[in-house]
Amino acid sequence: DVLSKAAQIYLTAKSMGFTPEGTSQE
């Protein structure tokens, strides 16, 4: 469920026309 939510956030951002920045490694 939590992995799916993360995938949805990524795909939603891509559908809005940008690649999500994401949290940094730090």
PDB file of all heavy atoms in Angstrom:
ATOM      1  N   ASP A   1       0.821  -1.209   0.000  1.00  0.00           N
ATOM      2  CA  ASP A   1       0.000   0.000   0.000  1.00  0.00           C
ATOM      3  C   ASP A   1       0.856   1.260   0.000  1.00  0.00           C
ATOM      4  O   ASP A   1       0.595   2.207  -0.761  1.00  0.00           O
ATOM      5  CB  ASP A   1      -0.923  -0.034   1.220  1.00  0.00           C
ATOM      6  CG  ASP A   1      -2.133   0.870   1.084  1.00  0.00           C
ATOM      7  OD1 ASP A   1      -2.525   1.184  -0.060  1.00  0.00           O
ATOM      8  OD2 ASP A   1      -2.704   1.248   2.127  1.00  0.00           O
ATOM      9  N   VAL A   2       1.894   1.296   0.834  1.00  0.00           N
ATOM     10  CA  VAL A   2       2.730   2.501   0.887  1.00  0.00           C
ATOM     11  C   VAL A   2       3.570   2.641  -0.385  1.00  0.00           C
ATOM     12  O   VAL A   2       3.783   3.762  -0.866  1.00  0.00           O
ATOM     13  CB  VAL A   2       3.626   2.547   2.145  1.00  0.00           C
ATOM     14  CG1 VAL A   2       2.790   2.622   3.398  1.00  0.00           C
ATOM     15  CG2 VAL A   2       4.589   1.384   2.212  1.00  0.00           C
ATOM     16  N   LEU A   3       4.016   1.529  -0.951  1.00  0.00           N
ATOM     17  CA  LEU A   3       4.755   1.608  -2.217  1.00  0.00           C
ATOM     18  C   LEU A   3       3.855   2.102  -3.342  1.00  0.00           C
ATOM     19  O   LEU A   3       4.267   2.904  -4.192  1.00  0.00           O
ATOM     20  CB  LEU A   3       5.332   0.238  -2.575  1.00  0.00           C
ATOM     21  CG  LEU A   3       6.526  -0.229  -1.737  1.00  0.00           C
ATOM     22  CD1 LEU A   3       6.781  -1.715  -1.967  1.00  0.00           C
ATOM     23  CD2 LEU A   3       7.780   0.578  -2.069  1.00  0.00           C
ATOM     24  N   SER A   4       2.613   1.641  -3.350  1.00  0.00           N
ATOM     25  CA  SER A   4       1.660   2.085  -4.362  1.00  0.00           C
ATOM     26  C   SER A   4       1.390   3.582  -4.242  1.00  0.00           C
ATOM     27  O   SER A   4       1.303   4.297  -5.255  1.00  0.00           O
ATOM     28  CB  SER A   4       0.358   1.300  -4.223  1.00  0.00           C
ATOM     29  OG  SER A   4      -0.630   1.794  -5.101  1.00  0.00           O
ATOM     30  N   LYS A   5       1.253   4.078  -3.003  1.00  0.00           N
ATOM     31  CA  LYS A   5       1.044   5.523  -2.815  1.00  0.00           C
ATOM     32  C   LYS A   5       2.218   6.316  -3.382  1.00  0.00           C
ATOM     33  O   LYS A   5       2.028   7.335  -4.065  1.00  0.00           O
ATOM     34  CB  LYS A   5       0.845   5.831  -1.323  1.00  0.00           C
ATOM     35  CG  LYS A   5       0.748   7.322  -0.967  1.00  0.00           C
ATOM     36  CD  LYS A   5      -0.396   8.027  -1.669  1.00  0.00           C
ATOM     37  CE  LYS A   5      -1.755   7.561  -1.188  1.00  0.00           C
ATOM     38  NZ  LYS A   5      -2.044   7.960   0.202  1.00  0.00           N
ATOM     39  N   ALA A   6       3.430   5.856  -3.132  1.00  0.00           N
ATOM     40  CA  ALA A   6       4.613   6.534  -3.664  1.00  0.00           C
ATOM     41  C   ALA A   6       4.596   6.536  -5.191  1.00  0.00           C
ATOM     42  O   ALA A   6       4.914   7.541  -5.833  1.00  0.00           O
ATOM     43  CB  ALA A   6       5.877   5.865  -3.139  1.00  0.00           C
ATOM     44  N   ALA A   7       4.223   5.398  -5.785  1.00  0.00           N
ATOM     45  CA  ALA A   7       4.144   5.318  -7.249  1.00  0.00           C
ATOM     46  C   ALA A   7       3.094   6.284  -7.785  1.00  0.00           C
ATOM     47  O   ALA A   7       3.292   6.938  -8.821  1.00  0.00           O
ATOM     48  CB  ALA A   7       3.824   3.893  -7.673  1.00  0.00           C
ATOM     49  N   GLN A   8       1.969   6.398  -7.079  1.00  0.00           N
ATOM     50  CA  GLN A   8       0.912   7.320  -7.507  1.00  0.00           C
ATOM     51  C   GLN A   8       1.399   8.759  -7.477  1.00  0.00           C
ATOM     52  O   GLN A   8       1.061   9.560  -8.360  1.00  0.00           O
ATOM     53  CB  GLN A   8      -0.311   7.164  -6.616  1.00  0.00           C
ATOM     54  CG  GLN A   8      -1.075   5.869  -6.813  1.00  0.00           C
ATOM     55  CD  GLN A   8      -2.194   5.733  -5.802  1.00  0.00           C
ATOM     56  OE1 GLN A   8      -3.035   6.609  -5.646  1.00  0.00           O
ATOM     57  NE2 GLN A   8      -2.210   4.613  -5.077  1.00  0.00           N
ATOM     58  N   ILE A   9       2.175   9.117  -6.463  1.00  0.00           N
ATOM     59  CA  ILE A   9       2.718  10.484  -6.382  1.00  0.00           C
ATOM     60  C   ILE A   9       3.627  10.760  -7.572  1.00  0.00           C
ATOM     61  O   ILE A   9       3.533  11.819  -8.229  1.00  0.00           O
ATOM     62  CB  ILE A   9       3.463  10.682  -5.049  1.00  0.00           C
ATOM     63  CG1 ILE A   9       2.475  10.632  -3.886  1.00  0.00           C
ATOM     64  CG2 ILE A   9       4.240  11.993  -5.051  1.00  0.00           C
ATOM     65  CD1 ILE A   9       3.121  10.531  -2.519  1.00  0.00           C
ATOM     66  N   TYR A  10       4.493   9.792  -7.879  1.00  0.00           N
ATOM     67  CA  TYR A  10       5.403   9.950  -9.028  1.00  0.00           C
ATOM     68  C   TYR A  10       4.607  10.091 -10.325  1.00  0.00           C
ATOM     69  O   TYR A  10       4.839  11.014 -11.121  1.00  0.00           O
ATOM     70  CB  TYR A  10       6.342   8.751  -9.114  1.00  0.00           C
ATOM     71  CG  TYR A  10       7.229   8.766 -10.343  1.00  0.00           C
ATOM     72  CD1 TYR A  10       8.411   9.512 -10.352  1.00  0.00           C
ATOM     73  CD2 TYR A  10       6.878   8.064 -11.492  1.00  0.00           C
ATOM     74  CE1 TYR A  10       9.220   9.553 -11.488  1.00  0.00           C
ATOM     75  CE2 TYR A  10       7.676   8.094 -12.625  1.00  0.00           C
ATOM     76  CZ  TYR A  10       8.841   8.836 -12.610  1.00  0.00           C
ATOM     77  OH  TYR A  10       9.635   8.869 -13.730  1.00  0.00           O
ATOM     78  N   LEU A  11       3.649   9.201 -10.543  1.00  0.00           N
ATOM     79  CA  LEU A  11       2.898   9.206 -11.798  1.00  0.00           C
ATOM     80  C   LEU A  11       1.997  10.435 -11.909  1.00  0.00           C
ATOM     81  O   LEU A  11       1.778  10.957 -13.008  1.00  0.00           O
ATOM     82  CB  LEU A  11       2.084   7.922 -11.912  1.00  0.00           C
ATOM     83  CG  LEU A  11       2.918   6.640 -12.040  1.00  0.00           C
ATOM     84  CD1 LEU A  11       2.031   5.400 -11.926  1.00  0.00           C
ATOM     85  CD2 LEU A  11       3.700   6.610 -13.350  1.00  0.00           C
ATOM     86  N   THR A  12       1.475  10.913 -10.779  1.00  0.00           N
ATOM     87  CA  THR A  12       0.656  12.124 -10.804  1.00  0.00           C
ATOM     88  C   THR A  12       1.494  13.330 -11.200  1.00  0.00           C
ATOM     89  O   THR A  12       1.067  14.162 -12.027  1.00  0.00           O
ATOM     90  CB  THR A  12      -0.002  12.356  -9.434  1.00  0.00           C
ATOM     91  OG1 THR A  12      -0.833  11.244  -9.115  1.00  0.00           O
ATOM     92  CG2 THR A  12      -0.837  13.633  -9.432  1.00  0.00           C
ATOM     93  N   ALA A  13       2.693  13.439 -10.637  1.00  0.00           N
ATOM     94  CA  ALA A  13       3.581  14.540 -11.010  1.00  0.00           C
ATOM     95  C   ALA A  13       3.935  14.481 -12.495  1.00  0.00           C
ATOM     96  O   ALA A  13       3.907  15.509 -13.200  1.00  0.00           O
ATOM     97  CB  ALA A  13       4.851  14.495 -10.156  1.00  0.00           C
ATOM     98  N   LYS A  14       4.230  13.274 -12.991  1.00  0.00           N
ATOM     99  CA  LYS A  14       4.560  13.131 -14.414  1.00  0.00           C
ATOM    100  C   LYS A  14       3.371  13.519 -15.289  1.00  0.00           C
ATOM    101  O   LYS A  14       3.537  14.154 -16.340  1.00  0.00           O
ATOM    102  CB  LYS A  14       4.984  11.696 -14.703  1.00  0.00           C
ATOM    103  CG  LYS A  14       6.291  11.277 -14.059  1.00  0.00           C
ATOM    104  CD  LYS A  14       7.504  11.994 -14.650  1.00  0.00           C
ATOM    105  CE  LYS A  14       7.916  11.391 -15.968  1.00  0.00           C
ATOM    106  NZ  LYS A  14       9.198  11.993 -16.459  1.00  0.00           N
ATOM    107  N   SER A  15       2.164  13.174 -14.855  1.00  0.00           N
ATOM    108  CA  SER A  15       0.978  13.520 -15.642  1.00  0.00           C
ATOM    109  C   SER A  15       0.722  15.021 -15.638  1.00  0.00           C
ATOM    110  O   SER A  15       0.046  15.535 -16.538  1.00  0.00           O
ATOM    111  CB  SER A  15      -0.251  12.775 -15.107  1.00  0.00           C
ATOM    112  OG  SER A  15      -0.685  13.324 -13.872  1.00  0.00           O
ATOM    113  N   MET A  16       1.272  15.722 -14.636  1.00  0.00           N
ATOM    114  CA  MET A  16       1.155  17.185 -14.567  1.00  0.00           C
ATOM    115  C   MET A  16       2.236  17.873 -15.398  1.00  0.00           C
ATOM    116  O   MET A  16       2.256  19.096 -15.503  1.00  0.00           O
ATOM    117  CB  MET A  16       1.236  17.634 -13.109  1.00  0.00           C
ATOM    118  CG  MET A  16       0.044  17.187 -12.269  1.00  0.00           C
ATOM    119  SD  MET A  16       0.330  17.398 -10.487  1.00  0.00           S
ATOM    120  CE  MET A  16       0.322  19.183 -10.351  1.00  0.00           C
ATOM    121  N   GLY A  17       3.132  17.069 -15.963  1.00  0.00           N
ATOM    122  CA  GLY A  17       4.113  17.620 -16.897  1.00  0.00           C
ATOM    123  C   GLY A  17       5.491  17.857 -16.332  1.00  0.00           C
ATOM    124  O   GLY A  17       6.319  18.504 -16.984  1.00  0.00           O
ATOM    125  N   PHE A  18       5.760  17.350 -15.128  1.00  0.00           N
ATOM    126  CA  PHE A  18       7.113  17.526 -14.581  1.00  0.00           C
ATOM    127  C   PHE A  18       7.553  16.257 -13.864  1.00  0.00           C
ATOM    128  O   PHE A  18       6.735  15.431 -13.468  1.00  0.00           O
ATOM    129  CB  PHE A  18       7.167  18.719 -13.610  1.00  0.00           C
ATOM    130  CG  PHE A  18       6.377  18.524 -12.335  1.00  0.00           C
ATOM    131  CD1 PHE A  18       6.995  18.025 -11.180  1.00  0.00           C
ATOM    132  CD2 PHE A  18       5.036  18.850 -12.279  1.00  0.00           C
ATOM    133  CE1 PHE A  18       6.270  17.849 -10.011  1.00  0.00           C
ATOM    134  CE2 PHE A  18       4.309  18.674 -11.110  1.00  0.00           C
ATOM    135  CZ  PHE A  18       4.925  18.174  -9.978  1.00  0.00           C
ATOM    136  N   THR A  19       8.879  16.122 -13.736  1.00  0.00           N
ATOM    137  CA  THR A  19       9.443  15.003 -12.987  1.00  0.00           C
ATOM    138  C   THR A  19       9.602  15.437 -11.537  1.00  0.00           C
ATOM    139  O   THR A  19      10.243  16.456 -11.267  1.00  0.00           O
ATOM    140  CB  THR A  19      10.811  14.595 -13.554  1.00  0.00           C
ATOM    141  OG1 THR A  19      10.635  14.182 -14.921  1.00  0.00           O
ATOM    142  CG2 THR A  19      11.419  13.446 -12.756  1.00  0.00           C
ATOM    143  N   PRO A  20       9.021  14.703 -10.590  1.00  0.00           N
ATOM    144  CA  PRO A  20       9.099  15.135  -9.183  1.00  0.00           C
ATOM    145  C   PRO A  20      10.534  15.150  -8.681  1.00  0.00           C
ATOM    146  O   PRO A  20      11.336  14.289  -9.023  1.00  0.00           O
ATOM    147  CB  PRO A  20       8.255  14.096  -8.445  1.00  0.00           C
ATOM    148  CG  PRO A  20       8.214  12.906  -9.341  1.00  0.00           C
ATOM    149  CD  PRO A  20       8.277  13.430 -10.739  1.00  0.00           C
ATOM    150  N   GLU A  21      10.819  16.140  -7.871  1.00  0.00           N
ATOM    151  CA  GLU A  21      12.176  16.315  -7.349  1.00  0.00           C
ATOM    152  C   GLU A  21      12.562  15.195  -6.396  1.00  0.00           C
ATOM    153  O   GLU A  21      13.682  14.687  -6.419  1.00  0.00           O
ATOM    154  CB  GLU A  21      12.253  17.668  -6.638  1.00  0.00           C
ATOM    155  CG  GLU A  21      13.600  17.995  -6.054  1.00  0.00           C
ATOM    156  CD  GLU A  21      13.582  19.337  -5.334  1.00  0.00           C
ATOM    157  OE1 GLU A  21      13.038  19.390  -4.206  1.00  0.00           O
ATOM    158  OE2 GLU A  21      14.086  20.324  -5.900  1.00  0.00           O
ATOM    159  N   GLY A  22      11.634  14.806  -5.533  1.00  0.00           N
ATOM    160  CA  GLY A  22      11.930  13.767  -4.546  1.00  0.00           C
ATOM    161  C   GLY A  22      12.781  14.290  -3.406  1.00  0.00           C
ATOM    162  O   GLY A  22      13.447  15.328  -3.518  1.00  0.00           O
ATOM    163  N   THR A  23      12.747  13.584  -2.286  1.00  0.00           N
ATOM    164  CA  THR A  23      13.617  13.962  -1.172  1.00  0.00           C
ATOM    165  C   THR A  23      15.057  13.609  -1.517  1.00  0.00           C
ATOM    166  O   THR A  23      15.317  12.669  -2.275  1.00  0.00           O
ATOM    167  CB  THR A  23      13.200  13.233   0.120  1.00  0.00           C
ATOM    168  OG1 THR A  23      13.172  11.823  -0.129  1.00  0.00           O
ATOM    169  CG2 THR A  23      11.824  13.670   0.584  1.00  0.00           C
ATOM    170  N   SER A  24      15.977  14.348  -0.952  1.00  0.00           N
ATOM    171  CA  SER A  24      17.399  14.125  -1.251  1.00  0.00           C
ATOM    172  C   SER A  24      17.924  12.906  -0.491  1.00  0.00           C
ATOM    173  O   SER A  24      17.299  12.438   0.467  1.00  0.00           O
ATOM    174  CB  SER A  24      18.204  15.360  -0.852  1.00  0.00           C
ATOM    175  OG  SER A  24      18.182  15.514   0.571  1.00  0.00           O
ATOM    176  N   GLN A  25      19.079  12.428  -0.906  1.00  0.00           N
ATOM    177  CA  GLN A  25      19.705  11.316  -0.201  1.00  0.00           C
ATOM    178  C   GLN A  25      20.012  11.706   1.238  1.00  0.00           C
ATOM    179  O   GLN A  25      19.854  10.899   2.166  1.00  0.00           O
ATOM    180  CB  GLN A  25      20.998  10.901  -0.909  1.00  0.00           C
ATOM    181  CG  GLN A  25      21.640   9.642  -0.332  1.00  0.00           C
ATOM    182  CD  GLN A  25      20.730   8.426  -0.439  1.00  0.00           C
ATOM    183  OE1 GLN A  25      20.252   8.097  -1.508  1.00  0.00           O
ATOM    184  NE2 GLN A  25      20.484   7.753   0.683  1.00  0.00           N
ATOM    185  N   GLU A  26      20.397  12.969   1.449  1.00  0.00           N
ATOM    186  CA  GLU A  26      20.680  13.453   2.809  1.00  0.00           C
ATOM    187  C   GLU A  26      19.422  13.408   3.666  1.00  0.00           C
ATOM    188  O   GLU A  26      19.471  12.986   4.837  1.00  0.00           O
ATOM    189  CB  GLU A  26      21.220  14.886   2.742  1.00  0.00           C
ATOM    190  CG  GLU A  26      21.576  15.457   4.114  1.00  0.00           C
ATOM    191  CD  GLU A  26      22.093  16.890   4.036  1.00  0.00           C
ATOM    192  OE1 GLU A  26      22.273  17.398   2.914  1.00  0.00           O
ATOM    193  OE2 GLU A  26      22.310  17.490   5.103  1.00  0.00           O
TER     194      GLU A  26
END
